[in-house]
Full PDB file with SEQRES, HELIX, SHEET, SSBOND, CRYST1, ORIGX, SCALE, CONECT and MASTER records, all heavy atoms in Angstrom:
SEQRES   1 A   40  PRO ARG ILE ILE ALA ASN GLU SER ASP PHE VAL SER ILE          
SEQRES   2 A   40  ASN ALA THR LEU SER VAL ASP PHE LEU GLY GLN CYS ALA          
SEQRES   3 A   40  SER GLU THR ILE GLN GLY ARG TYR TYR SER SER SER GLY          
SEQRES   4 A   40  GLY                                                          
HELIX    1 AA1 ILE A    4  ASN A    6  5                                   3    
SHEET    1 AA1 2 SER A  18  VAL A  19  0                                        
SHEET    2 AA1 2 CYS A  25  ALA A  26 -1                                        
SHEET    1 AA2 2 THR A  29  ILE A  30  0                                        
SHEET    2 AA2 2 ARG A  33  TYR A  34 -1                                        
CRYST1    1.000    1.000    1.000  90.00  90.00  90.00 P 1           1          
ORIGX1      1.000000  0.000000  0.000000        0.00000                         
ORIGX2      0.000000  1.000000  0.000000        0.00000                         
ORIGX3      0.000000  0.000000  1.000000        0.00000                         
SCALE1      1.000000  0.000000  0.000000        0.00000                         
SCALE2      0.000000  1.000000  0.000000        0.00000                         
SCALE3      0.000000  0.000000  1.000000        0.00000                         
ATOM      1  N   PRO A   1       0.808  -1.226   0.000  1.00  0.00           N  
ATOM      2  CA  PRO A   1       0.000   0.000   0.000  1.00  0.00           C  
ATOM      3  C   PRO A   1       0.838   1.271   0.000  1.00  0.00           C  
ATOM      4  O   PRO A   1       0.426   2.294  -0.554  1.00  0.00           O  
ATOM      5  CB  PRO A   1      -0.831  -0.123   1.281  1.00  0.00           C  
ATOM      6  CG  PRO A   1      -0.888  -1.589   1.559  1.00  0.00           C  
ATOM      7  CD  PRO A   1       0.436  -2.131   1.106  1.00  0.00           C  
ATOM      8  N   ARG A   2       2.025   1.206   0.589  1.00  0.00           N  
ATOM      9  CA  ARG A   2       2.890   2.400   0.636  1.00  0.00           C  
ATOM     10  C   ARG A   2       3.447   2.718  -0.743  1.00  0.00           C  
ATOM     11  O   ARG A   2       3.693   3.888  -1.057  1.00  0.00           O  
ATOM     12  CB  ARG A   2       4.019   2.162   1.648  1.00  0.00           C  
ATOM     13  CG  ARG A   2       3.527   2.013   3.077  1.00  0.00           C  
ATOM     14  CD  ARG A   2       4.578   1.400   3.976  1.00  0.00           C  
ATOM     15  NE  ARG A   2       4.901   0.031   3.578  1.00  0.00           N  
ATOM     16  CZ  ARG A   2       5.690  -0.781   4.281  1.00  0.00           C  
ATOM     17  NH1 ARG A   2       6.235  -0.348   5.413  1.00  0.00           N  
ATOM     18  NH2 ARG A   2       5.941  -2.007   3.867  1.00  0.00           N  
ATOM     19  N   ILE A   3       3.653   1.694  -1.567  1.00  0.00           N  
ATOM     20  CA  ILE A   3       4.085   1.905  -2.950  1.00  0.00           C  
ATOM     21  C   ILE A   3       2.919   2.414  -3.786  1.00  0.00           C  
ATOM     22  O   ILE A   3       3.038   3.397  -4.541  1.00  0.00           O  
ATOM     23  CB  ILE A   3       4.644   0.602  -3.550  1.00  0.00           C  
ATOM     24  CG1 ILE A   3       5.885   0.129  -2.773  1.00  0.00           C  
ATOM     25  CG2 ILE A   3       4.951   0.778  -5.031  1.00  0.00           C  
ATOM     26  CD1 ILE A   3       7.059   1.074  -2.825  1.00  0.00           C  
ATOM     27  N   ILE A   4       1.778   1.755  -3.658  1.00  0.00           N  
ATOM     28  CA  ILE A   4       0.593   2.121  -4.427  1.00  0.00           C  
ATOM     29  C   ILE A   4       0.225   3.578  -4.187  1.00  0.00           C  
ATOM     30  O   ILE A   4      -0.158   4.304  -5.117  1.00  0.00           O  
ATOM     31  CB  ILE A   4      -0.580   1.192  -4.046  1.00  0.00           C  
ATOM     32  CG1 ILE A   4      -0.258  -0.254  -4.443  1.00  0.00           C  
ATOM     33  CG2 ILE A   4      -1.885   1.655  -4.683  1.00  0.00           C  
ATOM     34  CD1 ILE A   4      -1.149  -1.289  -3.793  1.00  0.00           C  
ATOM     35  N   ALA A   5       0.332   4.011  -2.953  1.00  0.00           N  
ATOM     36  CA  ALA A   5      -0.070   5.374  -2.578  1.00  0.00           C  
ATOM     37  C   ALA A   5       0.756   6.442  -3.279  1.00  0.00           C  
ATOM     38  O   ALA A   5       0.335   7.601  -3.343  1.00  0.00           O  
ATOM     39  CB  ALA A   5       0.028   5.549  -1.066  1.00  0.00           C  
ATOM     40  N   ASN A   6       1.913   6.072  -3.830  1.00  0.00           N  
ATOM     41  CA  ASN A   6       2.754   7.044  -4.526  1.00  0.00           C  
ATOM     42  C   ASN A   6       2.180   7.460  -5.876  1.00  0.00           C  
ATOM     43  O   ASN A   6       2.562   8.499  -6.418  1.00  0.00           O  
ATOM     44  CB  ASN A   6       4.163   6.484  -4.735  1.00  0.00           C  
ATOM     45  CG  ASN A   6       4.999   6.549  -3.486  1.00  0.00           C  
ATOM     46  OD1 ASN A   6       5.495   7.608  -3.115  1.00  0.00           O  
ATOM     47  ND2 ASN A   6       5.144   5.427  -2.809  1.00  0.00           N  
ATOM     48  N   GLU A   7       1.289   6.629  -6.419  1.00  0.00           N  
ATOM     49  CA  GLU A   7       0.666   6.971  -7.691  1.00  0.00           C  
ATOM     50  C   GLU A   7      -0.530   7.892  -7.436  1.00  0.00           C  
ATOM     51  O   GLU A   7      -1.359   7.607  -6.570  1.00  0.00           O  
ATOM     52  CB  GLU A   7       0.181   5.718  -8.418  1.00  0.00           C  
ATOM     53  CG  GLU A   7       1.286   4.764  -8.845  1.00  0.00           C  
ATOM     54  CD  GLU A   7       2.074   5.269 -10.044  1.00  0.00           C  
ATOM     55  OE1 GLU A   7       1.825   6.399 -10.505  1.00  0.00           O  
ATOM     56  OE2 GLU A   7       2.946   4.521 -10.525  1.00  0.00           O  
ATOM     57  N   SER A   8      -0.624   8.987  -8.155  1.00  0.00           N  
ATOM     58  CA  SER A   8      -1.811   9.834  -8.046  1.00  0.00           C  
ATOM     59  C   SER A   8      -2.940   9.242  -8.882  1.00  0.00           C  
ATOM     60  O   SER A   8      -2.693   8.497  -9.839  1.00  0.00           O  
ATOM     61  CB  SER A   8      -1.493  11.256  -8.512  1.00  0.00           C  
ATOM     62  OG  SER A   8      -1.052  11.254  -9.857  1.00  0.00           O  
ATOM     63  N   ASP A   9      -4.184   9.537  -8.502  1.00  0.00           N  
ATOM     64  CA  ASP A   9      -5.365   9.038  -9.213  1.00  0.00           C  
ATOM     65  C   ASP A   9      -5.334   7.520  -9.378  1.00  0.00           C  
ATOM     66  O   ASP A   9      -5.665   6.978 -10.440  1.00  0.00           O  
ATOM     67  CB  ASP A   9      -5.494   9.698 -10.599  1.00  0.00           C  
ATOM     68  CG  ASP A   9      -5.793  11.184 -10.502  1.00  0.00           C  
ATOM     69  OD1 ASP A   9      -6.553  11.582  -9.599  1.00  0.00           O  
ATOM     70  OD2 ASP A   9      -5.255  11.952 -11.321  1.00  0.00           O  
ATOM     71  N   PHE A  10      -4.930   6.837  -8.319  1.00  0.00           N  
ATOM     72  CA  PHE A  10      -4.903   5.383  -8.383  1.00  0.00           C  
ATOM     73  C   PHE A  10      -6.321   4.849  -8.233  1.00  0.00           C  
ATOM     74  O   PHE A  10      -7.072   5.271  -7.345  1.00  0.00           O  
ATOM     75  CB  PHE A  10      -4.011   4.774  -7.294  1.00  0.00           C  
ATOM     76  CG  PHE A  10      -3.717   3.322  -7.517  1.00  0.00           C  
ATOM     77  CD1 PHE A  10      -2.580   2.939  -8.199  1.00  0.00           C  
ATOM     78  CD2 PHE A  10      -4.601   2.337  -7.092  1.00  0.00           C  
ATOM     79  CE1 PHE A  10      -2.314   1.596  -8.444  1.00  0.00           C  
ATOM     80  CE2 PHE A  10      -4.354   0.998  -7.334  1.00  0.00           C  
ATOM     81  CZ  PHE A  10      -3.202   0.626  -8.010  1.00  0.00           C  
ATOM     82  N   VAL A  11      -6.710   3.917  -9.082  1.00  0.00           N  
ATOM     83  CA  VAL A  11      -8.050   3.335  -9.064  1.00  0.00           C  
ATOM     84  C   VAL A  11      -7.932   1.843  -8.795  1.00  0.00           C  
ATOM     85  O   VAL A  11      -7.326   1.105  -9.579  1.00  0.00           O  
ATOM     86  CB  VAL A  11      -8.791   3.582 -10.387  1.00  0.00           C  
ATOM     87  CG1 VAL A  11     -10.150   2.856 -10.379  1.00  0.00           C  
ATOM     88  CG2 VAL A  11      -8.994   5.069 -10.617  1.00  0.00           C  
ATOM     89  N   SER A  12      -8.503   1.418  -7.691  1.00  0.00           N  
ATOM     90  CA  SER A  12      -8.527   0.013  -7.324  1.00  0.00           C  
ATOM     91  C   SER A  12      -9.926  -0.537  -7.561  1.00  0.00           C  
ATOM     92  O   SER A  12     -10.916   0.077  -7.148  1.00  0.00           O  
ATOM     93  CB  SER A  12      -8.140  -0.152  -5.846  1.00  0.00           C  
ATOM     94  OG  SER A  12      -8.344  -1.478  -5.411  1.00  0.00           O  
ATOM     95  N   ILE A  13     -10.028  -1.689  -8.216  1.00  0.00           N  
ATOM     96  CA  ILE A  13     -11.320  -2.309  -8.519  1.00  0.00           C  
ATOM     97  C   ILE A  13     -11.268  -3.762  -8.064  1.00  0.00           C  
ATOM     98  O   ILE A  13     -10.481  -4.562  -8.574  1.00  0.00           O  
ATOM     99  CB  ILE A  13     -11.645  -2.243 -10.024  1.00  0.00           C  
ATOM    100  CG1 ILE A  13     -11.589  -0.801 -10.529  1.00  0.00           C  
ATOM    101  CG2 ILE A  13     -13.022  -2.854 -10.293  1.00  0.00           C  
ATOM    102  CD1 ILE A  13     -11.546  -0.681 -12.038  1.00  0.00           C  
ATOM    103  N   ASN A  14     -12.098  -4.102  -7.084  1.00  0.00           N  
ATOM    104  CA  ASN A  14     -12.112  -5.460  -6.543  1.00  0.00           C  
ATOM    105  C   ASN A  14     -13.538  -5.942  -6.356  1.00  0.00           C  
ATOM    106  O   ASN A  14     -14.439  -5.152  -6.070  1.00  0.00           O  
ATOM    107  CB  ASN A  14     -11.375  -5.511  -5.196  1.00  0.00           C  
ATOM    108  CG  ASN A  14      -9.874  -5.398  -5.354  1.00  0.00           C  
ATOM    109  OD1 ASN A  14      -9.229  -6.299  -5.879  1.00  0.00           O  
ATOM    110  ND2 ASN A  14      -9.311  -4.281  -4.920  1.00  0.00           N  
ATOM    111  N   ALA A  15     -13.727  -7.233  -6.474  1.00  0.00           N  
ATOM    112  CA  ALA A  15     -15.046  -7.832  -6.303  1.00  0.00           C  
ATOM    113  C   ALA A  15     -15.220  -8.341  -4.881  1.00  0.00           C  
ATOM    114  O   ALA A  15     -14.255  -8.716  -4.206  1.00  0.00           O  
ATOM    115  CB  ALA A  15     -15.232  -8.981  -7.286  1.00  0.00           C  
ATOM    116  N   THR A  16     -16.460  -8.349  -4.424  1.00  0.00           N  
ATOM    117  CA  THR A  16     -16.774  -8.907  -3.116  1.00  0.00           C  
ATOM    118  C   THR A  16     -18.004  -9.786  -3.246  1.00  0.00           C  
ATOM    119  O   THR A  16     -18.657  -9.827  -4.305  1.00  0.00           O  
ATOM    120  CB  THR A  16     -16.978  -7.794  -2.075  1.00  0.00           C  
ATOM    121  OG1 THR A  16     -16.954  -8.364  -0.762  1.00  0.00           O  
ATOM    122  CG2 THR A  16     -18.301  -7.065  -2.292  1.00  0.00           C  
ATOM    123  N   LEU A  17     -18.340 -10.479  -2.161  1.00  0.00           N  
ATOM    124  CA  LEU A  17     -19.475 -11.400  -2.174  1.00  0.00           C  
ATOM    125  C   LEU A  17     -20.682 -10.841  -1.436  1.00  0.00           C  
ATOM    126  O   LEU A  17     -21.813 -11.159  -1.778  1.00  0.00           O  
ATOM    127  CB  LEU A  17     -19.057 -12.737  -1.548  1.00  0.00           C  
ATOM    128  CG  LEU A  17     -17.945 -13.464  -2.310  1.00  0.00           C  
ATOM    129  CD1 LEU A  17     -17.399 -14.632  -1.493  1.00  0.00           C  
ATOM    130  CD2 LEU A  17     -18.457 -13.960  -3.656  1.00  0.00           C  
ATOM    131  N   SER A  18     -20.451 -10.015  -0.428  1.00  0.00           N  
ATOM    132  CA  SER A  18     -21.557  -9.355   0.269  1.00  0.00           C  
ATOM    133  C   SER A  18     -21.027  -8.155   1.032  1.00  0.00           C  
ATOM    134  O   SER A  18     -19.854  -8.103   1.418  1.00  0.00           O  
ATOM    135  CB  SER A  18     -22.281 -10.321   1.220  1.00  0.00           C  
ATOM    136  OG  SER A  18     -21.410 -10.812   2.219  1.00  0.00           O  
ATOM    137  N   VAL A  19     -21.929  -7.179   1.230  1.00  0.00           N  
ATOM    138  CA  VAL A  19     -21.597  -5.942   1.950  1.00  0.00           C  
ATOM    139  C   VAL A  19     -22.713  -5.673   2.946  1.00  0.00           C  
ATOM    140  O   VAL A  19     -23.893  -5.734   2.600  1.00  0.00           O  
ATOM    141  CB  VAL A  19     -21.470  -4.742   0.983  1.00  0.00           C  
ATOM    142  CG1 VAL A  19     -21.093  -3.477   1.745  1.00  0.00           C  
ATOM    143  CG2 VAL A  19     -20.443  -5.025  -0.105  1.00  0.00           C  
ATOM    144  N   ASP A  20     -22.338  -5.379   4.208  1.00  0.00           N  
ATOM    145  CA  ASP A  20     -23.374  -5.077   5.198  1.00  0.00           C  
ATOM    146  C   ASP A  20     -23.594  -3.577   5.314  1.00  0.00           C  
ATOM    147  O   ASP A  20     -22.908  -2.771   4.672  1.00  0.00           O  
ATOM    148  CB  ASP A  20     -23.049  -5.719   6.544  1.00  0.00           C  
ATOM    149  CG  ASP A  20     -21.883  -5.090   7.295  1.00  0.00           C  
ATOM    150  OD1 ASP A  20     -21.377  -4.027   6.871  1.00  0.00           O  
ATOM    151  OD2 ASP A  20     -21.468  -5.660   8.316  1.00  0.00           O  
ATOM    152  N   PHE A  21     -24.579  -3.176   6.137  1.00  0.00           N  
ATOM    153  CA  PHE A  21     -24.956  -1.769   6.252  1.00  0.00           C  
ATOM    154  C   PHE A  21     -23.803  -0.873   6.693  1.00  0.00           C  
ATOM    155  O   PHE A  21     -23.787   0.323   6.397  1.00  0.00           O  
ATOM    156  CB  PHE A  21     -26.112  -1.616   7.248  1.00  0.00           C  
ATOM    157  CG  PHE A  21     -27.451  -2.067   6.731  1.00  0.00           C  
ATOM    158  CD1 PHE A  21     -28.487  -2.339   7.616  1.00  0.00           C  
ATOM    159  CD2 PHE A  21     -27.694  -2.213   5.374  1.00  0.00           C  
ATOM    160  CE1 PHE A  21     -29.736  -2.744   7.160  1.00  0.00           C  
ATOM    161  CE2 PHE A  21     -28.933  -2.618   4.898  1.00  0.00           C  
ATOM    162  CZ  PHE A  21     -29.958  -2.893   5.797  1.00  0.00           C  
ATOM    163  N   LEU A  22     -22.835  -1.434   7.402  1.00  0.00           N  
ATOM    164  CA  LEU A  22     -21.700  -0.635   7.854  1.00  0.00           C  
ATOM    165  C   LEU A  22     -20.672  -0.426   6.750  1.00  0.00           C  
ATOM    166  O   LEU A  22     -19.806   0.441   6.862  1.00  0.00           O  
ATOM    167  CB  LEU A  22     -21.023  -1.297   9.056  1.00  0.00           C  
ATOM    168  CG  LEU A  22     -21.883  -1.509  10.305  1.00  0.00           C  
ATOM    169  CD1 LEU A  22     -21.079  -2.212  11.390  1.00  0.00           C  
ATOM    170  CD2 LEU A  22     -22.424  -0.184  10.824  1.00  0.00           C  
ATOM    171  N   GLY A  23     -20.763  -1.239   5.695  1.00  0.00           N  
ATOM    172  CA  GLY A  23     -19.793  -1.169   4.611  1.00  0.00           C  
ATOM    173  C   GLY A  23     -18.740  -2.245   4.673  1.00  0.00           C  
ATOM    174  O   GLY A  23     -17.797  -2.251   3.872  1.00  0.00           O  
ATOM    175  N   GLN A  24     -18.876  -3.189   5.591  1.00  0.00           N  
ATOM    176  CA  GLN A  24     -17.916  -4.280   5.685  1.00  0.00           C  
ATOM    177  C   GLN A  24     -18.093  -5.230   4.507  1.00  0.00           C  
ATOM    178  O   GLN A  24     -19.210  -5.636   4.183  1.00  0.00           O  
ATOM    179  CB  GLN A  24     -18.105  -5.056   6.992  1.00  0.00           C  
ATOM    180  CG  GLN A  24     -17.915  -4.201   8.226  1.00  0.00           C  
ATOM    181  CD  GLN A  24     -18.090  -4.999   9.494  1.00  0.00           C  
ATOM    182  OE1 GLN A  24     -17.148  -5.170  10.255  1.00  0.00           O  
ATOM    183  NE2 GLN A  24     -19.292  -5.494   9.732  1.00  0.00           N  
ATOM    184  N   CYS A  25     -16.977  -5.593   3.867  1.00  0.00           N  
ATOM    185  CA  CYS A  25     -17.011  -6.443   2.680  1.00  0.00           C  
ATOM    186  C   CYS A  25     -16.470  -7.832   3.004  1.00  0.00           C  
ATOM    187  O   CYS A  25     -15.312  -7.978   3.407  1.00  0.00           O  
ATOM    188  CB  CYS A  25     -16.180  -5.831   1.560  1.00  0.00           C  
ATOM    189  SG  CYS A  25     -16.790  -4.232   0.998  1.00  0.00           S  
ATOM    190  N   ALA A  26     -17.308  -8.843   2.810  1.00  0.00           N  
ATOM    191  CA  ALA A  26     -16.894 -10.235   2.976  1.00  0.00           C  
ATOM    192  C   ALA A  26     -16.588 -10.801   1.601  1.00  0.00           C  
ATOM    193  O   ALA A  26     -17.501 -11.049   0.811  1.00  0.00           O  
ATOM    194  CB  ALA A  26     -17.982 -11.039   3.667  1.00  0.00           C  
ATOM    195  N   SER A  27     -15.309 -10.985   1.297  1.00  0.00           N  
ATOM    196  CA  SER A  27     -14.894 -11.366  -0.048  1.00  0.00           C  
ATOM    197  C   SER A  27     -14.272 -12.751  -0.124  1.00  0.00           C  
ATOM    198  O   SER A  27     -13.887 -13.189  -1.207  1.00  0.00           O  
ATOM    199  CB  SER A  27     -13.881 -10.342  -0.590  1.00  0.00           C  
ATOM    200  OG  SER A  27     -14.359  -9.036  -0.448  1.00  0.00           O  
ATOM    201  N   GLU A  28     -14.164 -13.440   1.002  1.00  0.00           N  
ATOM    202  CA  GLU A  28     -13.454 -14.717   0.994  1.00  0.00           C  
ATOM    203  C   GLU A  28     -14.215 -15.852   1.653  1.00  0.00           C  
ATOM    204  O   GLU A  28     -13.722 -16.976   1.700  1.00  0.00           O  
ATOM    205  CB  GLU A  28     -12.086 -14.558   1.651  1.00  0.00           C  
ATOM    206  CG  GLU A  28     -12.139 -13.940   3.042  1.00  0.00           C  
ATOM    207  CD  GLU A  28     -10.787 -13.430   3.507  1.00  0.00           C  
ATOM    208  OE1 GLU A  28      -9.922 -14.267   3.843  1.00  0.00           O  
ATOM    209  OE2 GLU A  28     -10.606 -12.207   3.539  1.00  0.00           O  
ATOM    210  N   THR A  29     -15.414 -15.585   2.165  1.00  0.00           N  
ATOM    211  CA  THR A  29     -16.245 -16.626   2.753  1.00  0.00           C  
ATOM    212  C   THR A  29     -17.661 -16.520   2.206  1.00  0.00           C  
ATOM    213  O   THR A  29     -18.117 -15.442   1.835  1.00  0.00           O  
ATOM    214  CB  THR A  29     -16.294 -16.502   4.286  1.00  0.00           C  
ATOM    215  OG1 THR A  29     -16.636 -15.152   4.642  1.00  0.00           O  
ATOM    216  CG2 THR A  29     -14.961 -16.863   4.926  1.00  0.00           C  
ATOM    217  N   ILE A  30     -18.342 -17.643   2.177  1.00  0.00           N  
ATOM    218  CA  ILE A  30     -19.748 -17.690   1.778  1.00  0.00           C  
ATOM    219  C   ILE A  30     -20.505 -18.421   2.875  1.00  0.00           C  
ATOM    220  O   ILE A  30     -20.211 -19.590   3.167  1.00  0.00           O  
ATOM    221  CB  ILE A  30     -19.941 -18.404   0.431  1.00  0.00           C  
ATOM    222  CG1 ILE A  30     -19.224 -17.654  -0.693  1.00  0.00           C  
ATOM    223  CG2 ILE A  30     -21.432 -18.525   0.096  1.00  0.00           C  
ATOM    224  CD1 ILE A  30     -19.298 -18.342  -2.038  1.00  0.00           C  
ATOM    225  N   GLN A  31     -21.431 -17.704   3.511  1.00  0.00           N  
ATOM    226  CA  GLN A  31     -22.201 -18.264   4.621  1.00  0.00           C  
ATOM    227  C   GLN A  31     -21.290 -18.888   5.669  1.00  0.00           C  
ATOM    228  O   GLN A  31     -21.549 -19.965   6.194  1.00  0.00           O  
ATOM    229  CB  GLN A  31     -23.222 -19.281   4.102  1.00  0.00           C  
ATOM    230  CG  GLN A  31     -24.284 -18.647   3.201  1.00  0.00           C  
ATOM    231  CD  GLN A  31     -25.302 -19.655   2.698  1.00  0.00           C  
ATOM    232  OE1 GLN A  31     -25.004 -20.844   2.572  1.00  0.00           O  
ATOM    233  NE2 GLN A  31     -26.509 -19.181   2.399  1.00  0.00           N  
ATOM    234  N   GLY A  32     -20.214 -18.170   5.963  1.00  0.00           N  
ATOM    235  CA  GLY A  32     -19.315 -18.583   7.027  1.00  0.00           C  
ATOM    236  C   GLY A  32     -18.305 -19.647   6.654  1.00  0.00           C  
ATOM    237  O   GLY A  32     -17.501 -20.056   7.496  1.00  0.00           O  
ATOM    238  N   ARG A  33     -18.286 -20.094   5.401  1.00  0.00           N  
ATOM    239  CA  ARG A  33     -17.336 -21.124   4.984  1.00  0.00           C  
ATOM    240  C   ARG A  33     -16.299 -20.514   4.049  1.00  0.00           C  
ATOM    241  O   ARG A  33     -16.636 -19.750   3.144  1.00  0.00           O  
ATOM    242  CB  ARG A  33     -18.055 -22.267   4.260  1.00  0.00           C  
ATOM    243  CG  ARG A  33     -19.106 -22.965   5.099  1.00  0.00           C  
ATOM    244  CD  ARG A  33     -19.710 -24.122   4.352  1.00  0.00           C  
ATOM    245  NE  ARG A  33     -18.760 -25.231   4.211  1.00  0.00           N  
ATOM    246  CZ  ARG A  33     -19.002 -26.310   3.459  1.00  0.00           C  
ATOM    247  NH1 ARG A  33     -20.116 -26.386   2.752  1.00  0.00           N  
ATOM    248  NH2 ARG A  33     -18.110 -27.268   3.383  1.00  0.00           N  
ATOM    249  N   TYR A  34     -15.046 -20.880   4.276  1.00  0.00           N  
ATOM    250  CA  TYR A  34     -13.977 -20.299   3.469  1.00  0.00           C  
ATOM    251  C   TYR A  34     -14.102 -20.705   2.005  1.00  0.00           C  
ATOM    252  O   TYR A  34     -14.311 -21.868   1.672  1.00  0.00           O  
ATOM    253  CB  TYR A  34     -12.602 -20.714   4.003  1.00  0.00           C  
ATOM    254  CG  TYR A  34     -11.877 -19.525   4.596  1.00  0.00           C  
ATOM    255  CD1 TYR A  34     -11.804 -19.343   5.975  1.00  0.00           C  
ATOM    256  CD2 TYR A  34     -11.310 -18.561   3.776  1.00  0.00           C  
ATOM    257  CE1 TYR A  34     -11.166 -18.232   6.511  1.00  0.00           C  
ATOM    258  CE2 TYR A  34     -10.667 -17.456   4.300  1.00  0.00           C  
ATOM    259  CZ  TYR A  34     -10.594 -17.303   5.673  1.00  0.00           C  
ATOM    260  OH  TYR A  34      -9.969 -16.201   6.194  1.00  0.00           O  
ATOM    261  N   TYR A  35     -13.962 -19.690   1.146  1.00  0.00           N  
ATOM    262  CA  TYR A  35     -14.060 -19.882  -0.297  1.00  0.00           C  
ATOM    263  C   TYR A  35     -12.731 -19.585  -0.978  1.00  0.00           C  
ATOM    264  O   TYR A  35     -12.361 -20.246  -1.933  1.00  0.00           O  
ATOM    265  CB  TYR A  35     -15.149 -18.979  -0.861  1.00  0.00           C  
ATOM    266  CG  TYR A  35     -15.415 -19.151  -2.337  1.00  0.00           C  
ATOM    267  CD1 TYR A  35     -16.236 -20.179  -2.794  1.00  0.00           C  
ATOM    268  CD2 TYR A  35     -14.848 -18.290  -3.277  1.00  0.00           C  
ATOM    269  CE1 TYR A  35     -16.485 -20.351  -4.155  1.00  0.00           C  
ATOM    270  CE2 TYR A  35     -15.092 -18.459  -4.636  1.00  0.00           C  
ATOM    271  CZ  TYR A  35     -15.905 -19.486  -5.064  1.00  0.00           C  
ATOM    272  OH  TYR A  35     -16.148 -19.660  -6.406  1.00  0.00           O  
ATOM    273  N   SER A  36     -12.002 -18.583  -0.520  1.00  0.00           N  
ATOM    274  CA  SER A  36     -10.727 -18.198  -1.141  1.00  0.00           C  
ATOM    275  C   SER A  36      -9.766 -17.756  -0.036  1.00  0.00           C  
ATOM    276  O   SER A  36      -9.347 -18.559   0.781  1.00  0.00           O  
ATOM    277  CB  SER A  36     -10.940 -17.089  -2.170  1.00  0.00           C  
ATOM    278  OG  SER A  36     -11.643 -15.994  -1.600  1.00  0.00           O  
ATOM    279  N   SER A  37      -9.436 -16.486   0.013  1.00  0.00           N  
ATOM    280  CA  SER A  37      -8.696 -15.875   1.112  1.00  0.00           C  
ATOM    281  C   SER A  37      -8.587 -14.388   0.799  1.00  0.00           C  
ATOM    282  O   SER A  37      -9.240 -13.891  -0.120  1.00  0.00           O  
ATOM    283  CB  SER A  37      -7.319 -16.509   1.305  1.00  0.00           C  
ATOM    284  OG  SER A  37      -6.768 -16.100   2.560  1.00  0.00           O  
ATOM    285  N   SER A  38      -7.741 -13.684   1.525  1.00  0.00           N  
ATOM    286  CA  SER A  38      -7.710 -12.221   1.405  1.00  0.00           C  
ATOM    287  C   SER A  38      -7.124 -11.744   0.084  1.00  0.00           C  
ATOM    288  O   SER A  38      -7.575 -10.741  -0.472  1.00  0.00           O  
ATOM    289  CB  SER A  38      -6.906 -11.623   2.562  1.00  0.00           C  
ATOM    290  OG  SER A  38      -7.449 -12.019   3.798  1.00  0.00           O  
ATOM    291  N   GLY A  39      -6.099 -12.446  -0.424  1.00  0.00           N  
ATOM    292  CA  GLY A  39      -5.447 -11.989  -1.642  1.00  0.00           C  
ATOM    293  C   GLY A  39      -4.937 -10.570  -1.486  1.00  0.00           C  
ATOM    294  O   GLY A  39      -4.460 -10.165  -0.434  1.00  0.00           O  
ATOM    295  N   GLY A  40      -5.075  -9.787  -2.557  1.00  0.00           N  
ATOM    296  CA  GLY A  40      -4.553  -8.421  -2.535  1.00  0.00           C  
ATOM    297  C   GLY A  40      -5.609  -7.354  -2.374  1.00  0.00           C  
ATOM    298  O   GLY A  40      -5.305  -6.161  -2.520  1.00  0.00           O  
TER     299      GLY A  40                                                      
MASTER        0    0    0    1    4    0    0    6  298    1    0    4          
END                                                                             
């Protein structure tokens, strides 16, 4: 992240599986079971 932050107008695009009202993104589990992992 410290390297990435050096670029201006950096655009990150990532997929998730669900988002709750607080904005928390669950991208590696489905119904509490591991599907992948954190990755990048």
